[in-house]
C-alpha atoms as a PDB file:
ATOM      1  CA  UNK A   1       0.162  -0.156  -0.063  1.00  0.00           C
ATOM      2  CA  UNK A   2       0.985   3.675  -0.683  1.00  0.00           C
ATOM      3  CA  UNK A   3      -0.324   6.540   1.092  1.00  0.00           C
ATOM      4  CA  UNK A   4      -0.301   9.965  -0.244  1.00  0.00           C
ATOM      5  CA  UNK A   5      -1.052  13.378   1.430  1.00  0.00           C
ATOM      6  CA  UNK A   6      -1.003  16.678  -0.334  1.00  0.00           C
ATOM      7  CA  UNK A   7      -0.654  20.204   0.967  1.00  0.00           C
ATOM      8  CA  UNK A   8      -0.135  23.590  -0.241  1.00  0.00           C
ATOM      9  CA  UNK A   9      -3.378  24.720  -1.934  1.00  0.00           C
ATOM     10  CA  UNK A  10      -4.895  28.124  -1.133  1.00  0.00           C
ATOM     11  CA  UNK A  11      -6.409  31.240  -2.585  1.00  0.00           C
ATOM     12  CA  UNK A  12      -4.127  33.441  -5.006  1.00  0.00           C
ATOM     13  CA  UNK A  13      -4.586  36.125  -7.446  1.00  0.00           C
ATOM     14  CA  UNK A  14      -3.889  35.642 -11.060  1.00  0.00           C
ATOM     15  CA  UNK A  15      -0.117  35.962 -11.721  1.00  0.00           C
ATOM     16  CA  UNK A  16       0.667  34.642  -8.395  1.00  0.00           C
ATOM     17  CA  UNK A  17       2.440  31.291  -7.401  1.00  0.00           C
ATOM     18  CA  UNK A  18       1.758  28.366  -5.245  1.00  0.00           C
ATOM     19  CA  UNK A  19       3.912  25.117  -4.307  1.00  0.00           C
ATOM     20  CA  UNK A  20       1.928  22.029  -3.696  1.00  0.00           C
ATOM     21  CA  UNK A  21       3.619  19.084  -1.734  1.00  0.00           C
ATOM     22  CA  UNK A  22       2.789  15.453  -1.746  1.00  0.00           C
ATOM     23  CA  UNK A  23       4.365  13.149   0.980  1.00  0.00           C
ATOM     24  CA  UNK A  24       4.257   9.394   0.152  1.00  0.00           C
ATOM     25  CA  UNK A  25       4.437   6.901   2.763  1.00  0.00           C
ATOM     26  CA  UNK A  26       4.193   2.950   2.835  1.00  0.00           C
ATOM     27  CA  UNK A  27       5.929   0.803  -0.153  1.00  0.00           C
ATOM     28  CA  UNK A  28       7.548   4.043  -1.586  1.00  0.00           C
ATOM     29  CA  UNK A  29      10.613   1.905  -2.743  1.00  0.00           C
ATOM     30  CA  UNK A  30       8.509   0.414  -5.544  1.00  0.00           C
ATOM     31  CA  UNK A  31       7.211   3.685  -6.906  1.00  0.00           C
ATOM     32  CA  UNK A  32       8.654   4.522 -10.448  1.00  0.00           C
ATOM     33  CA  UNK A  33       6.369   7.514 -11.422  1.00  0.00           C
ATOM     34  CA  UNK A  34       4.260  10.049  -9.779  1.00  0.00           C
ATOM     35  CA  UNK A  35       1.938  12.695 -11.087  1.00  0.00           C
ATOM     36  CA  UNK A  36      -0.374  15.689 -10.455  1.00  0.00           C
ATOM     37  CA  UNK A  37      -3.822  15.574 -11.463  1.00  0.00           C
ATOM     38  CA  UNK A  38      -6.258  18.583 -11.690  1.00  0.00           C
ATOM     39  CA  UNK A  39     -10.089  18.467 -11.412  1.00  0.00           C
ATOM     40  CA  UNK A  40     -11.898  21.660 -12.201  1.00  0.00           C
ATOM     41  CA  UNK A  41     -15.481  22.158 -11.179  1.00  0.00           C
ATOM     42  CA  UNK A  42     -17.696  20.143 -13.597  1.00  0.00           C
ATOM     43  CA  UNK A  43     -14.877  18.839 -15.397  1.00  0.00           C
ATOM     44  CA  UNK A  44     -12.954  15.453 -15.599  1.00  0.00           C
ATOM     45  CA  UNK A  45      -9.712  14.687 -13.643  1.00  0.00           C
ATOM     46  CA  UNK A  46      -7.020  15.748 -15.918  1.00  0.00           C
ATOM     47  CA  UNK A  47      -3.133  14.991 -15.584  1.00  0.00           C
ATOM     48  CA  UNK A  48      -1.183  18.273 -15.225  1.00  0.00           C
ATOM     49  CA  UNK A  49       2.351  16.873 -14.923  1.00  0.00           C
ATOM     50  CA  UNK A  50       4.314  13.595 -14.256  1.00  0.00           C
ATOM     51  CA  UNK A  51       7.710  12.421 -13.276  1.00  0.00           C
ATOM     52  CA  UNK A  52       9.716   9.486 -13.758  1.00  0.00           C
ATOM     53  CA  UNK A  53      12.269   7.688 -11.475  1.00  0.00           C
ATOM     54  CA  UNK A  54      14.855   8.668 -14.127  1.00  0.00           C
ATOM     55  CA  UNK A  55      14.033  12.301 -13.869  1.00  0.00           C
ATOM     56  CA  UNK A  56      11.995  12.505 -17.212  1.00  0.00           C
ATOM     57  CA  UNK A  57       9.075  14.830 -16.986  1.00  0.00           C
ATOM     58  CA  UNK A  58       5.946  15.426 -18.876  1.00  0.00           C
ATOM     59  CA  UNK A  59       3.438  18.567 -18.768  1.00  0.00           C
ATOM     60  CA  UNK A  60      -0.039  19.200 -20.142  1.00  0.00           C
ATOM     61  CA  UNK A  61       0.178  21.942 -22.769  1.00  0.00           C
ATOM     62  CA  UNK A  62      -1.699  24.769 -20.904  1.00  0.00           C
ATOM     63  CA  UNK A  63       0.921  24.665 -17.898  1.00  0.00           C
ATOM     64  CA  UNK A  64       4.064  24.222 -19.862  1.00  0.00           C
ATOM     65  CA  UNK A  65       6.545  26.976 -18.916  1.00  0.00           C
ATOM     66  CA  UNK A  66       4.666  27.891 -15.665  1.00  0.00           C
ATOM     67  CA  UNK A  67       4.661  24.654 -13.674  1.00  0.00           C
ATOM     68  CA  UNK A  68       7.558  22.559 -12.553  1.00  0.00           C
ATOM     69  CA  UNK A  69       7.180  19.162 -11.172  1.00  0.00           C
ATOM     70  CA  UNK A  70      10.063  17.756  -8.777  1.00  0.00           C
ATOM     71  CA  UNK A  71      10.613  14.606  -6.547  1.00  0.00           C
ATOM     72  CA  UNK A  72      12.853  14.388  -3.772  1.00  0.00           C
ATOM     73  CA  UNK A  73      12.995  10.856  -3.127  1.00  0.00           C
ATOM     74  CA  UNK A  74      15.066  11.301  -0.177  1.00  0.00           C
ATOM     75  CA  UNK A  75      12.078  12.409   1.609  1.00  0.00           C
ATOM     76  CA  UNK A  76       9.459  10.852  -0.653  1.00  0.00           C
ATOM     77  CA  UNK A  77       7.981  14.091  -1.512  1.00  0.00           C
ATOM     78  CA  UNK A  78       7.049  15.488  -4.729  1.00  0.00           C
ATOM     79  CA  UNK A  79       6.268  19.128  -5.531  1.00  0.00           C
ATOM     80  CA  UNK A  80       4.442  21.123  -8.142  1.00  0.00           C
ATOM     81  CA  UNK A  81       5.703  24.840  -8.523  1.00  0.00           C
ATOM     82  CA  UNK A  82       3.112  26.848 -10.058  1.00  0.00           C
ATOM     83  CA  UNK A  83       3.820  30.360 -11.296  1.00  0.00           C
ATOM     84  CA  UNK A  84       2.011  32.772 -13.155  1.00  0.00           C
ATOM     85  CA  UNK A  85      -1.231  31.184 -12.113  1.00  0.00           C
ATOM     86  CA  UNK A  86      -4.340  31.615 -14.057  1.00  0.00           C
ATOM     87  CA  UNK A  87      -8.048  31.440 -13.205  1.00  0.00           C
ATOM     88  CA  UNK A  88      -8.381  28.524 -15.357  1.00  0.00           C
ATOM     89  CA  UNK A  89      -5.938  26.602 -12.993  1.00  0.00           C
ATOM     90  CA  UNK A  90      -8.607  26.643 -10.266  1.00  0.00           C
ATOM     91  CA  UNK A  91      -9.524  23.124  -9.057  1.00  0.00           C
ATOM     92  CA  UNK A  92      -8.694  20.365  -6.740  1.00  0.00           C
ATOM     93  CA  UNK A  93      -5.033  19.040  -7.197  1.00  0.00           C
ATOM     94  CA  UNK A  94      -4.480  15.498  -6.731  1.00  0.00           C
ATOM     95  CA  UNK A  95      -1.320  13.511  -6.114  1.00  0.00           C
ATOM     96  CA  UNK A  96      -1.080  10.009  -7.902  1.00  0.00           C
ATOM     97  CA  UNK A  97       1.156   7.057  -8.333  1.00  0.00           C
ATOM     98  CA  UNK A  98       0.344   3.628  -9.795  1.00  0.00           C
ATOM     99  CA  UNK A  99       2.193   0.792  -8.191  1.00  0.00           C
ATOM    100  CA  UNK A 100       1.394  -3.013  -9.204  1.00  0.00           C
ATOM    101  CA  UNK A 101      -1.343  -1.871 -11.610  1.00  0.00           C
ATOM    102  CA  UNK A 102      -3.129  -0.106  -8.698  1.00  0.00           C
ATOM    103  CA  UNK A 103      -3.755   3.775  -8.531  1.00  0.00           C
ATOM    104  CA  UNK A 104      -3.134   5.618  -5.359  1.00  0.00           C
ATOM    105  CA  UNK A 105      -4.694   8.875  -4.674  1.00  0.00           C
ATOM    106  CA  UNK A 106      -4.132  11.608  -2.009  1.00  0.00           C
ATOM    107  CA  UNK A 107      -7.425  13.529  -0.621  1.00  0.00           C
ATOM    108  CA  UNK A 108      -6.618  16.555  -2.834  1.00  0.00           C
ATOM    109  CA  UNK A 109      -5.717  20.128  -2.099  1.00  0.00           C
ATOM    110  CA  UNK A 110      -7.849  23.129  -3.404  1.00  0.00           C
ATOM    111  CA  UNK A 111      -6.181  25.756  -5.460  1.00  0.00           C
ATOM    112  CA  UNK A 112      -8.342  28.775  -6.302  1.00  0.00           C
ATOM    113  CA  UNK A 113      -7.099  31.563  -8.551  1.00  0.00           C
ATOM    114  CA  UNK A 114      -8.973  34.838  -8.686  1.00  0.00           C
ATOM    115  CA  UNK A 115      -8.963  37.128 -11.733  1.00  0.00           C
END
């Protein structure tokens, strides 16, 4: 089992920044990749950014150049640095990993960007 706990969400004005954190516990040694998902009101959950154990990263087009994903394996913590935030970035952000074909999710952290 893997447990994920997010933090760092909040209310910010457009153009501002936030840093989200996701702390993993449990069978963390088997984690090869992690990701951040976002679910806006009335919309499906979408992948925002992902990172692999070798360091490779992927970003959804709308966040490229504004968001940076990182992973500190020494403390089992993944981050999402979000700069130049826009109102359309508003949503609940979830931390995710897939281990043994099972998807594990955190409880989510709310990000609200005001215009």
